[in-house]
Amino acid sequence: MYYPLSALLIECLILSVVQKEDSYGYEISQTVKLVSPIKESTLYPILKKLEQNGYVTTYTQVFQNRSRKYYAITEAGKKQLLFLQEEWQEYRDTIDGIIEGRLHHDEG
């Protein structure tokens, strides 16, 4: 897709993914890549920030003799996701209104 994603929107996408089920970095990146060609150098700092803010927790699980770091949403993360979803809906509705000609700024 053509439009770049902000770090905040990527946070929203990540929290949305892990709300459905615990997930690991590669799996999360594949979902985010549906809308943006995200690189690991972008994804992992955002995951770390989400962990530092208490929005996700991590644990390690062995899969096919390899350790995977899984991310799980916390209660604080669920609240943050709800906030980000509400902000996204308002933003999207405003953008749609402008593009569709329903909204415009009247001067004077």
PDB file of N, CA and C in Angstrom:
ATOM      1  N   MET A   1       0.835  -1.182   0.000  1.00  0.00           N
ATOM      2  CA  MET A   1       0.000   0.000   0.000  1.00  0.00           C
ATOM      3  C   MET A   1       0.876   1.240   0.000  1.00  0.00           C
ATOM      4  N   TYR A   2       0.317   2.306  -0.463  1.00  0.00           N
ATOM      5  CA  TYR A   2       1.070   3.527  -0.708  1.00  0.00           C
ATOM      6  C   TYR A   2       1.281   4.382   0.539  1.00  0.00           C
ATOM      7  N   TYR A   3       0.304   4.416   1.441  1.00  0.00           N
ATOM      8  CA  TYR A   3       0.359   5.332   2.573  1.00  0.00           C
ATOM      9  C   TYR A   3       1.214   4.772   3.703  1.00  0.00           C
ATOM     10  N   PRO A   4       2.178   5.575   4.184  1.00  0.00           N
ATOM     11  CA  PRO A   4       3.036   5.098   5.276  1.00  0.00           C
ATOM     12  C   PRO A   4       2.263   5.041   6.598  1.00  0.00           C
ATOM     13  N   LEU A   5       2.712   4.159   7.484  1.00  0.00           N
ATOM     14  CA  LEU A   5       2.082   4.030   8.792  1.00  0.00           C
ATOM     15  C   LEU A   5       2.921   4.735   9.841  1.00  0.00           C
ATOM     16  N   SER A   6       2.251   5.389  10.765  1.00  0.00           N
ATOM     17  CA  SER A   6       2.954   5.986  11.895  1.00  0.00           C
ATOM     18  C   SER A   6       3.262   4.897  12.919  1.00  0.00           C
ATOM     19  N   ALA A   7       4.189   5.185  13.812  1.00  0.00           N
ATOM     20  CA  ALA A   7       4.518   4.229  14.877  1.00  0.00           C
ATOM     21  C   ALA A   7       3.294   3.953  15.746  1.00  0.00           C
ATOM     22  N   LEU A   8       2.473   4.971  15.968  1.00  0.00           N
ATOM     23  CA  LEU A   8       1.277   4.794  16.794  1.00  0.00           C
ATOM     24  C   LEU A   8       0.268   3.863  16.125  1.00  0.00           C
ATOM     25  N   LEU A   9       0.124   3.972  14.839  1.00  0.00           N
ATOM     26  CA  LEU A   9      -0.783   3.070  14.133  1.00  0.00           C
ATOM     27  C   LEU A   9      -0.229   1.646  14.123  1.00  0.00           C
ATOM     28  N   ILE A  10       1.079   1.513  14.024  1.00  0.00           N
ATOM     29  CA  ILE A  10       1.693   0.185  14.105  1.00  0.00           C
ATOM     30  C   ILE A  10       1.447  -0.408  15.492  1.00  0.00           C
ATOM     31  N   GLU A  11       1.537   0.425  16.547  1.00  0.00           N
ATOM     32  CA  GLU A  11       1.221  -0.041  17.896  1.00  0.00           C
ATOM     33  C   GLU A  11      -0.203  -0.578  17.949  1.00  0.00           C
ATOM     34  N   CYS A  12      -1.125   0.151  17.357  1.00  0.00           N
ATOM     35  CA  CYS A  12      -2.523  -0.270  17.330  1.00  0.00           C
ATOM     36  C   CYS A  12      -2.668  -1.612  16.623  1.00  0.00           C
ATOM     37  N   LEU A  13      -1.989  -1.773  15.510  1.00  0.00           N
ATOM     38  CA  LEU A  13      -2.049  -3.038  14.773  1.00  0.00           C
ATOM     39  C   LEU A  13      -1.463  -4.190  15.587  1.00  0.00           C
ATOM     40  N   ILE A  14      -0.327  -3.940  16.223  1.00  0.00           N
ATOM     41  CA  ILE A  14       0.311  -4.981  17.035  1.00  0.00           C
ATOM     42  C   ILE A  14      -0.605  -5.392  18.179  1.00  0.00           C
ATOM     43  N   LEU A  15      -1.147  -4.412  18.892  1.00  0.00           N
ATOM     44  CA  LEU A  15      -2.043  -4.726  20.007  1.00  0.00           C
ATOM     45  C   LEU A  15      -3.281  -5.470  19.522  1.00  0.00           C
ATOM     46  N   SER A  16      -3.767  -5.124  18.340  1.00  0.00           N
ATOM     47  CA  SER A  16      -4.915  -5.826  17.764  1.00  0.00           C
ATOM     48  C   SER A  16      -4.581  -7.286  17.485  1.00  0.00           C
ATOM     49  N   VAL A  17      -3.371  -7.531  16.972  1.00  0.00           N
ATOM     50  CA  VAL A  17      -2.945  -8.900  16.676  1.00  0.00           C
ATOM     51  C   VAL A  17      -2.849  -9.721  17.961  1.00  0.00           C
ATOM     52  N   VAL A  18      -2.178  -9.171  18.975  1.00  0.00           N
ATOM     53  CA  VAL A  18      -1.957  -9.953  20.195  1.00  0.00           C
ATOM     54  C   VAL A  18      -3.200 -10.013  21.088  1.00  0.00           C
ATOM     55  N   GLN A  19      -4.181  -9.148  20.815  1.00  0.00           N
ATOM     56  CA  GLN A  19      -5.439  -9.264  21.557  1.00  0.00           C
ATOM     57  C   GLN A  19      -6.166 -10.544  21.135  1.00  0.00           C
ATOM     58  N   LYS A  20      -6.080 -10.857  19.867  1.00  0.00           N
ATOM     59  CA  LYS A  20      -6.742 -12.061  19.355  1.00  0.00           C
ATOM     60  C   LYS A  20      -6.096 -13.309  19.939  1.00  0.00           C
ATOM     61  N   GLU A  21      -4.765 -13.351  19.904  1.00  0.00           N
ATOM     62  CA  GLU A  21      -4.021 -14.463  20.499  1.00  0.00           C
ATOM     63  C   GLU A  21      -2.559 -14.065  20.649  1.00  0.00           C
ATOM     64  N   ASP A  22      -1.878 -14.666  21.627  1.00  0.00           N
ATOM     65  CA  ASP A  22      -0.450 -14.410  21.807  1.00  0.00           C
ATOM     66  C   ASP A  22       0.256 -14.708  20.487  1.00  0.00           C
ATOM     67  N   SER A  23       1.275 -13.930  20.209  1.00  0.00           N
ATOM     68  CA  SER A  23       1.938 -14.069  18.919  1.00  0.00           C
ATOM     69  C   SER A  23       3.421 -13.749  19.064  1.00  0.00           C
ATOM     70  N   TYR A  24       4.216 -14.169  18.094  1.00  0.00           N
ATOM     71  CA  TYR A  24       5.650 -13.896  18.097  1.00  0.00           C
ATOM     72  C   TYR A  24       5.977 -12.906  16.987  1.00  0.00           C
ATOM     73  N   GLY A  25       7.166 -12.337  17.063  1.00  0.00           N
ATOM     74  CA  GLY A  25       7.554 -11.236  16.186  1.00  0.00           C
ATOM     75  C   GLY A  25       7.319 -11.449  14.710  1.00  0.00           C
ATOM     76  N   TYR A  26       7.774 -12.574  14.181  1.00  0.00           N
ATOM     77  CA  TYR A  26       7.619 -12.814  12.746  1.00  0.00           C
ATOM     78  C   TYR A  26       6.144 -12.859  12.355  1.00  0.00           C
ATOM     79  N   GLU A  27       5.348 -13.530  13.149  1.00  0.00           N
ATOM     80  CA  GLU A  27       3.915 -13.638  12.863  1.00  0.00           C
ATOM     81  C   GLU A  27       3.252 -12.255  12.897  1.00  0.00           C
ATOM     82  N   ILE A  28       3.615 -11.451  13.880  1.00  0.00           N
ATOM     83  CA  ILE A  28       3.086 -10.085  13.970  1.00  0.00           C
ATOM     84  C   ILE A  28       3.498  -9.291  12.730  1.00  0.00           C
ATOM     85  N   SER A  29       4.770  -9.404  12.346  1.00  0.00           N
ATOM     86  CA  SER A  29       5.258  -8.636  11.196  1.00  0.00           C
ATOM     87  C   SER A  29       4.523  -9.014   9.914  1.00  0.00           C
ATOM     88  N   GLN A  30       4.190 -10.281   9.757  1.00  0.00           N
ATOM     89  CA  GLN A  30       3.487 -10.712   8.547  1.00  0.00           C
ATOM     90  C   GLN A  30       2.095 -10.096   8.460  1.00  0.00           C
ATOM     91  N   THR A  31       1.445  -9.928   9.600  1.00  0.00           N
ATOM     92  CA  THR A  31       0.126  -9.283   9.599  1.00  0.00           C
ATOM     93  C   THR A  31       0.264  -7.795   9.293  1.00  0.00           C
ATOM     94  N   VAL A  32       1.220  -7.128   9.934  1.00  0.00           N
ATOM     95  CA  VAL A  32       1.428  -5.691   9.684  1.00  0.00           C
ATOM     96  C   VAL A  32       1.830  -5.463   8.228  1.00  0.00           C
ATOM     97  N   LYS A  33       2.578  -6.401   7.643  1.00  0.00           N
ATOM     98  CA  LYS A  33       3.008  -6.265   6.247  1.00  0.00           C
ATOM     99  C   LYS A  33       1.845  -6.324   5.253  1.00  0.00           C
ATOM    100  N   LEU A  34       0.664  -6.684   5.717  1.00  0.00           N
ATOM    101  CA  LEU A  34      -0.516  -6.615   4.842  1.00  0.00           C
ATOM    102  C   LEU A  34      -0.810  -5.177   4.434  1.00  0.00           C
ATOM    103  N   VAL A  35      -0.362  -4.210   5.264  1.00  0.00           N
ATOM    104  CA  VAL A  35      -0.606  -2.804   4.957  1.00  0.00           C
ATOM    105  C   VAL A  35       0.659  -1.965   4.840  1.00  0.00           C
ATOM    106  N   SER A  36       1.808  -2.506   5.271  1.00  0.00           N
ATOM    107  CA  SER A  36       3.036  -1.725   5.232  1.00  0.00           C
ATOM    108  C   SER A  36       4.247  -2.650   5.166  1.00  0.00           C
ATOM    109  N   PRO A  37       5.232  -2.312   4.334  1.00  0.00           N
ATOM    110  CA  PRO A  37       6.444  -3.147   4.248  1.00  0.00           C
ATOM    111  C   PRO A  37       7.371  -2.898   5.444  1.00  0.00           C
ATOM    112  N   ILE A  38       6.906  -3.244   6.638  1.00  0.00           N
ATOM    113  CA  ILE A  38       7.645  -2.970   7.876  1.00  0.00           C
ATOM    114  C   ILE A  38       8.905  -3.826   7.955  1.00  0.00           C
ATOM    115  N   LYS A  39       9.957  -3.228   8.476  1.00  0.00           N
ATOM    116  CA  LYS A  39      11.222  -3.930   8.662  1.00  0.00           C
ATOM    117  C   LYS A  39      11.362  -4.293  10.143  1.00  0.00           C
ATOM    118  N   GLU A  40      12.174  -5.314  10.416  1.00  0.00           N
ATOM    119  CA  GLU A  40      12.404  -5.714  11.809  1.00  0.00           C
ATOM    120  C   GLU A  40      12.969  -4.556  12.625  1.00  0.00           C
ATOM    121  N   SER A  41      13.786  -3.718  11.983  1.00  0.00           N
ATOM    122  CA  SER A  41      14.396  -2.583  12.679  1.00  0.00           C
ATOM    123  C   SER A  41      13.352  -1.551  13.109  1.00  0.00           C
ATOM    124  N   THR A  42      12.155  -1.616  12.538  1.00  0.00           N
ATOM    125  CA  THR A  42      11.042  -0.764  12.944  1.00  0.00           C
ATOM    126  C   THR A  42      10.152  -1.490  13.939  1.00  0.00           C
ATOM    127  N   LEU A  43       9.858  -2.749  13.663  1.00  0.00           N
ATOM    128  CA  LEU A  43       8.917  -3.518  14.480  1.00  0.00           C
ATOM    129  C   LEU A  43       9.407  -3.753  15.907  1.00  0.00           C
ATOM    130  N   TYR A  44      10.625  -4.248  16.050  1.00  0.00           N
ATOM    131  CA  TYR A  44      11.086  -4.670  17.378  1.00  0.00           C
ATOM    132  C   TYR A  44      11.236  -3.521  18.380  1.00  0.00           C
ATOM    133  N   PRO A  45      11.680  -2.333  17.967  1.00  0.00           N
ATOM    134  CA  PRO A  45      11.670  -1.220  18.933  1.00  0.00           C
ATOM    135  C   PRO A  45      10.250  -0.858  19.397  1.00  0.00           C
ATOM    136  N   ILE A  46       9.272  -0.988  18.520  1.00  0.00           N
ATOM    137  CA  ILE A  46       7.886  -0.705  18.914  1.00  0.00           C
ATOM    138  C   ILE A  46       7.403  -1.779  19.885  1.00  0.00           C
ATOM    139  N   LEU A  47       7.725  -3.036  19.615  1.00  0.00           N
ATOM    140  CA  LEU A  47       7.367  -4.110  20.547  1.00  0.00           C
ATOM    141  C   LEU A  47       8.020  -3.871  21.911  1.00  0.00           C
ATOM    142  N   LYS A  48       9.285  -3.466  21.905  1.00  0.00           N
ATOM    143  CA  LYS A  48       9.994  -3.199  23.161  1.00  0.00           C
ATOM    144  C   LYS A  48       9.327  -2.051  23.916  1.00  0.00           C
ATOM    145  N   LYS A  49       8.922  -1.010  23.199  1.00  0.00           N
ATOM    146  CA  LYS A  49       8.248   0.128  23.817  1.00  0.00           C
ATOM    147  C   LYS A  49       6.909  -0.304  24.422  1.00  0.00           C
ATOM    148  N   LEU A  50       6.174  -1.146  23.700  1.00  0.00           N
ATOM    149  CA  LEU A  50       4.907  -1.649  24.226  1.00  0.00           C
ATOM    150  C   LEU A  50       5.138  -2.443  25.510  1.00  0.00           C
ATOM    151  N   GLU A  51       6.212  -3.211  25.551  1.00  0.00           N
ATOM    152  CA  GLU A  51       6.544  -3.988  26.749  1.00  0.00           C
ATOM    153  C   GLU A  51       6.940  -3.051  27.898  1.00  0.00           C
ATOM    154  N   GLN A  52       7.770  -2.061  27.612  1.00  0.00           N
ATOM    155  CA  GLN A  52       8.212  -1.116  28.642  1.00  0.00           C
ATOM    156  C   GLN A  52       7.043  -0.323  29.225  1.00  0.00           C
ATOM    157  N   ASN A  53       6.048  -0.038  28.391  1.00  0.00           N
ATOM    158  CA  ASN A  53       4.863   0.702  28.846  1.00  0.00           C
ATOM    159  C   ASN A  53       3.843  -0.186  29.546  1.00  0.00           C
ATOM    160  N   GLY A  54       4.122  -1.482  29.597  1.00  0.00           N
ATOM    161  CA  GLY A  54       3.229  -2.403  30.289  1.00  0.00           C
ATOM    162  C   GLY A  54       2.021  -2.834  29.474  1.00  0.00           C
ATOM    163  N   TYR A  55       2.064  -2.633  28.146  1.00  0.00           N
ATOM    164  CA  TYR A  55       0.936  -2.992  27.288  1.00  0.00           C
ATOM    165  C   TYR A  55       0.997  -4.440  26.813  1.00  0.00           C
ATOM    166  N   VAL A  56       2.205  -5.005  26.816  1.00  0.00           N
ATOM    167  CA  VAL A  56       2.374  -6.427  26.495  1.00  0.00           C
ATOM    168  C   VAL A  56       3.374  -7.029  27.474  1.00  0.00           C
ATOM    169  N   THR A  57       3.255  -8.326  27.652  1.00  0.00           N
ATOM    170  CA  THR A  57       4.259  -9.080  28.387  1.00  0.00           C
ATOM    171  C   THR A  57       4.829 -10.105  27.417  1.00  0.00           C
ATOM    172  N   THR A  58       5.950 -10.680  27.787  1.00  0.00           N
ATOM    173  CA  THR A  58       6.581 -11.664  26.905  1.00  0.00           C
ATOM    174  C   THR A  58       6.857 -12.950  27.663  1.00  0.00           C
ATOM    175  N   TYR A  59       6.934 -14.006  26.906  1.00  0.00           N
ATOM    176  CA  TYR A  59       7.376 -15.292  27.440  1.00  0.00           C
ATOM    177  C   TYR A  59       8.000 -16.073  26.295  1.00  0.00           C
ATOM    178  N   THR A  60       8.831 -17.038  26.649  1.00  0.00           N
ATOM    179  CA  THR A  60       9.515 -17.848  25.644  1.00  0.00           C
ATOM    180  C   THR A  60       8.902 -19.236  25.608  1.00  0.00           C
ATOM    181  N   GLN A  61       8.729 -19.731  24.394  1.00  0.00           N
ATOM    182  CA  GLN A  61       8.182 -21.073  24.201  1.00  0.00           C
ATOM    183  C   GLN A  61       8.977 -21.753  23.089  1.00  0.00           C
ATOM    184  N   VAL A  62       9.250 -23.034  23.287  1.00  0.00           N
ATOM    185  CA  VAL A  62      10.002 -23.787  22.285  1.00  0.00           C
ATOM    186  C   VAL A  62       9.047 -24.302  21.210  1.00  0.00           C
ATOM    187  N   PHE A  63       9.429 -24.075  19.949  1.00  0.00           N
ATOM    188  CA  PHE A  63       8.665 -24.548  18.801  1.00  0.00           C
ATOM    189  C   PHE A  63       9.651 -25.154  17.820  1.00  0.00           C
ATOM    190  N   GLN A  64       9.504 -26.421  17.510  1.00  0.00           N
ATOM    191  CA  GLN A  64      10.407 -27.139  16.604  1.00  0.00           C
ATOM    192  C   GLN A  64      11.875 -26.923  16.988  1.00  0.00           C
ATOM    193  N   ASN A  65      12.170 -27.165  18.259  1.00  0.00           N
ATOM    194  CA  ASN A  65      13.521 -27.052  18.817  1.00  0.00           C
ATOM    195  C   ASN A  65      14.113 -25.640  18.772  1.00  0.00           C
ATOM    196  N   ARG A  66      13.271 -24.639  18.609  1.00  0.00           N
ATOM    197  CA  ARG A  66      13.741 -23.251  18.621  1.00  0.00           C
ATOM    198  C   ARG A  66      12.906 -22.456  19.608  1.00  0.00           C
ATOM    199  N   SER A  67      13.564 -21.544  20.294  1.00  0.00           N
ATOM    200  CA  SER A  67      12.847 -20.682  21.240  1.00  0.00           C
ATOM    201  C   SER A  67      12.214 -19.515  20.497  1.00  0.00           C
ATOM    202  N   ARG A  68      10.964 -19.270  20.808  1.00  0.00           N
ATOM    203  CA  ARG A  68      10.258 -18.114  20.254  1.00  0.00           C
ATOM    204  C   ARG A  68       9.811 -17.220  21.394  1.00  0.00           C
ATOM    205  N   LYS A  69       9.967 -15.926  21.200  1.00  0.00           N
ATOM    206  CA  LYS A  69       9.494 -14.947  22.175  1.00  0.00           C
ATOM    207  C   LYS A  69       8.081 -14.543  21.787  1.00  0.00           C
ATOM    208  N   TYR A  70       7.147 -14.849  22.652  1.00  0.00           N
ATOM    209  CA  TYR A  70       5.744 -14.528  22.405  1.00  0.00           C
ATOM    210  C   TYR A  70       5.351 -13.259  23.145  1.00  0.00           C
ATOM    211  N   TYR A  71       4.425 -12.536  22.542  1.00  0.00           N
ATOM    212  CA  TYR A  71       3.896 -11.307  23.127  1.00  0.00           C
ATOM    213  C   TYR A  71       2.428 -11.535  23.470  1.00  0.00           C
ATOM    214  N   ALA A  72       2.054 -11.103  24.690  1.00  0.00           N
ATOM    215  CA  ALA A  72       0.672 -11.235  25.160  1.00  0.00           C
ATOM    216  C   ALA A  72       0.201  -9.871  25.654  1.00  0.00           C
ATOM    217  N   ILE A  73      -1.030  -9.520  25.348  1.00  0.00           N
ATOM    218  CA  ILE A  73      -1.567  -8.228  25.759  1.00  0.00           C
ATOM    219  C   ILE A  73      -1.910  -8.252  27.251  1.00  0.00           C
ATOM    220  N   THR A  74      -1.718  -7.119  27.913  1.00  0.00           N
ATOM    221  CA  THR A  74      -2.048  -6.968  29.327  1.00  0.00           C
ATOM    222  C   THR A  74      -3.368  -6.198  29.445  1.00  0.00           C
ATOM    223  N   GLU A  75      -3.866  -6.059  30.654  1.00  0.00           N
ATOM    224  CA  GLU A  75      -5.078  -5.252  30.868  1.00  0.00           C
ATOM    225  C   GLU A  75      -4.829  -3.802  30.444  1.00  0.00           C
ATOM    226  N   ALA A  76      -3.650  -3.279  30.785  1.00  0.00           N
ATOM    227  CA  ALA A  76      -3.304  -1.913  30.363  1.00  0.00           C
ATOM    228  C   ALA A  76      -3.250  -1.830  28.842  1.00  0.00           C
ATOM    229  N   GLY A  77      -2.750  -2.882  28.205  1.00  0.00           N
ATOM    230  CA  GLY A  77      -2.693  -2.928  26.745  1.00  0.00           C
ATOM    231  C   GLY A  77      -4.078  -2.929  26.127  1.00  0.00           C
ATOM    232  N   LYS A  78      -5.017  -3.626  26.756  1.00  0.00           N
ATOM    233  CA  LYS A  78      -6.395  -3.650  26.253  1.00  0.00           C
ATOM    234  C   LYS A  78      -7.025  -2.265  26.334  1.00  0.00           C
ATOM    235  N   LYS A  79      -6.732  -1.539  27.413  1.00  0.00           N
ATOM    236  CA  LYS A  79      -7.246  -0.161  27.554  1.00  0.00           C
ATOM    237  C   LYS A  79      -6.618   0.748  26.505  1.00  0.00           C
ATOM    238  N   GLN A  80      -5.315   0.588  26.294  1.00  0.00           N
ATOM    239  CA  GLN A  80      -4.623   1.390  25.282  1.00  0.00           C
ATOM    240  C   GLN A  80      -5.159   1.074  23.891  1.00  0.00           C
ATOM    241  N   LEU A  81      -5.411  -0.193  23.627  1.00  0.00           N
ATOM    242  CA  LEU A  81      -5.951  -0.582  22.324  1.00  0.00           C
ATOM    243  C   LEU A  81      -7.325   0.045  22.109  1.00  0.00           C
ATOM    244  N   LEU A  82      -8.174   0.025  23.123  1.00  0.00           N
ATOM    245  CA  LEU A  82      -9.495   0.642  23.001  1.00  0.00           C
ATOM    246  C   LEU A  82      -9.357   2.134  22.687  1.00  0.00           C
ATOM    247  N   PHE A  83      -8.455   2.813  23.388  1.00  0.00           N
ATOM    248  CA  PHE A  83      -8.198   4.230  23.129  1.00  0.00           C
ATOM    249  C   PHE A  83      -7.725   4.447  21.691  1.00  0.00           C
ATOM    250  N   LEU A  84      -6.751   3.638  21.249  1.00  0.00           N
ATOM    251  CA  LEU A  84      -6.221   3.796  19.891  1.00  0.00           C
ATOM    252  C   LEU A  84      -7.275   3.483  18.833  1.00  0.00           C
ATOM    253  N   GLN A  85      -8.134   2.505  19.086  1.00  0.00           N
ATOM    254  CA  GLN A  85      -9.203   2.175  18.137  1.00  0.00           C
ATOM    255  C   GLN A  85     -10.189   3.333  18.013  1.00  0.00           C
ATOM    256  N   GLU A  86     -10.539   3.951  19.148  1.00  0.00           N
ATOM    257  CA  GLU A  86     -11.446   5.101  19.111  1.00  0.00           C
ATOM    258  C   GLU A  86     -10.817   6.265  18.362  1.00  0.00           C
ATOM    259  N   GLU A  87      -9.529   6.519  18.616  1.00  0.00           N
ATOM    260  CA  GLU A  87      -8.823   7.592  17.910  1.00  0.00           C
ATOM    261  C   GLU A  87      -8.757   7.299  16.411  1.00  0.00           C
ATOM    262  N   TRP A  88      -8.490   6.046  16.044  1.00  0.00           N
ATOM    263  CA  TRP A  88      -8.419   5.651  14.643  1.00  0.00           C
ATOM    264  C   TRP A  88      -9.764   5.863  13.964  1.00  0.00           C
ATOM    265  N   GLN A  89     -10.837   5.468  14.601  1.00  0.00           N
ATOM    266  CA  GLN A  89     -12.159   5.614  13.997  1.00  0.00           C
ATOM    267  C   GLN A  89     -12.486   7.084  13.745  1.00  0.00           C
ATOM    268  N   GLU A  90     -12.161   7.949  14.704  1.00  0.00           N
ATOM    269  CA  GLU A  90     -12.405   9.382  14.523  1.00  0.00           C
ATOM    270  C   GLU A  90     -11.537   9.934  13.384  1.00  0.00           C
ATOM    271  N   TYR A  91     -10.272   9.532  13.351  1.00  0.00           N
ATOM    272  CA  TYR A  91      -9.343   9.964  12.303  1.00  0.00           C
ATOM    273  C   TYR A  91      -9.830   9.488  10.937  1.00  0.00           C
ATOM    274  N   ARG A  92     -10.171   8.203  10.856  1.00  0.00           N
ATOM    275  CA  ARG A  92     -10.647   7.614   9.595  1.00  0.00           C
ATOM    276  C   ARG A  92     -11.920   8.300   9.122  1.00  0.00           C
ATOM    277  N   ASP A  93     -12.857   8.527  10.033  1.00  0.00           N
ATOM    278  CA  ASP A  93     -14.115   9.183   9.662  1.00  0.00           C
ATOM    279  C   ASP A  93     -13.872  10.603   9.154  1.00  0.00           C
ATOM    280  N   THR A  94     -12.935  11.314   9.774  1.00  0.00           N
ATOM    281  CA  THR A  94     -12.610  12.674   9.333  1.00  0.00           C
ATOM    282  C   THR A  94     -11.968  12.650   7.949  1.00  0.00           C
ATOM    283  N   ILE A  95     -11.004  11.762   7.745  1.00  0.00           N
ATOM    284  CA  ILE A  95     -10.362  11.628   6.433  1.00  0.00           C
ATOM    285  C   ILE A  95     -11.402  11.280   5.372  1.00  0.00           C
ATOM    286  N   ASP A  96     -12.252  10.285   5.665  1.00  0.00           N
ATOM    287  CA  ASP A  96     -13.304   9.891   4.718  1.00  0.00           C
ATOM    288  C   ASP A  96     -14.218  11.075   4.406  1.00  0.00           C
ATOM    289  N   GLY A  97     -14.556  11.854   5.430  1.00  0.00           N
ATOM    290  CA  GLY A  97     -15.429  13.008   5.223  1.00  0.00           C
ATOM    291  C   GLY A  97     -14.818  14.037   4.294  1.00  0.00           C
ATOM    292  N   ILE A  98     -13.519  14.268   4.451  1.00  0.00           N
ATOM    293  CA  ILE A  98     -12.835  15.222   3.572  1.00  0.00           C
ATOM    294  C   ILE A  98     -12.759  14.666   2.156  1.00  0.00           C
ATOM    295  N   ILE A  99     -12.338  13.410   2.014  1.00  0.00           N
ATOM    296  CA  ILE A  99     -12.196  12.810   0.684  1.00  0.00           C
ATOM    297  C   ILE A  99     -13.532  12.736  -0.040  1.00  0.00           C
ATOM    298  N   GLU A 100     -14.583  12.418   0.698  1.00  0.00           N
ATOM    299  CA  GLU A 100     -15.901  12.277   0.099  1.00  0.00           C
ATOM    300  C   GLU A 100     -16.643  13.610  -0.045  1.00  0.00           C
ATOM    301  N   GLY A 101     -16.006  14.701   0.378  1.00  0.00           N
ATOM    302  CA  GLY A 101     -16.601  16.019   0.218  1.00  0.00           C
ATOM    303  C   GLY A 101     -17.665  16.363   1.248  1.00  0.00           C
ATOM    304  N   ARG A 102     -17.787  15.568   2.299  1.00  0.00           N
ATOM    305  CA  ARG A 102     -18.774  15.860   3.344  1.00  0.00           C
ATOM    306  C   ARG A 102     -18.262  16.846   4.371  1.00  0.00           C
ATOM    307  N   LEU A 103     -16.952  16.951   4.514  1.00  0.00           N
ATOM    308  CA  LEU A 103     -16.351  17.848   5.497  1.00  0.00           C
ATOM    309  C   LEU A 103     -15.432  18.835   4.809  1.00  0.00           C
ATOM    310  N   HIS A 104     -15.482  20.055   5.256  1.00  0.00           N
ATOM    311  CA  HIS A 104     -14.531  21.058   4.806  1.00  0.00           C
ATOM    312  C   HIS A 104     -14.526  22.199   5.822  1.00  0.00           C
ATOM    313  N   HIS A 105     -13.444  22.922   5.835  1.00  0.00           N
ATOM    314  CA  HIS A 105     -13.289  24.033   6.765  1.00  0.00           C
ATOM    315  C   HIS A 105     -13.865  25.286   6.108  1.00  0.00           C
ATOM    316  N   ASP A 106     -14.854  25.857   6.741  1.00  0.00           N
ATOM    317  CA  ASP A 106     -15.429  27.098   6.235  1.00  0.00           C
ATOM    318  C   ASP A 106     -14.671  28.282   6.822  1.00  0.00           C
ATOM    319  N   GLU A 107     -14.105  29.095   5.941  1.00  0.00           N
ATOM    320  CA  GLU A 107     -13.400  30.274   6.422  1.00  0.00           C
ATOM    321  C   GLU A 107     -14.390  31.417   6.581  1.00  0.00           C
ATOM    322  N   GLY A 108     -14.226  32.146   7.698  1.00  0.00           N
ATOM    323  CA  GLY A 108     -14.900  33.361   7.932  1.00  0.00           C
ATOM    324  C   GLY A 108     -16.306  33.345   8.225  1.00  0.00           C
TER     325      GLY A 108
END
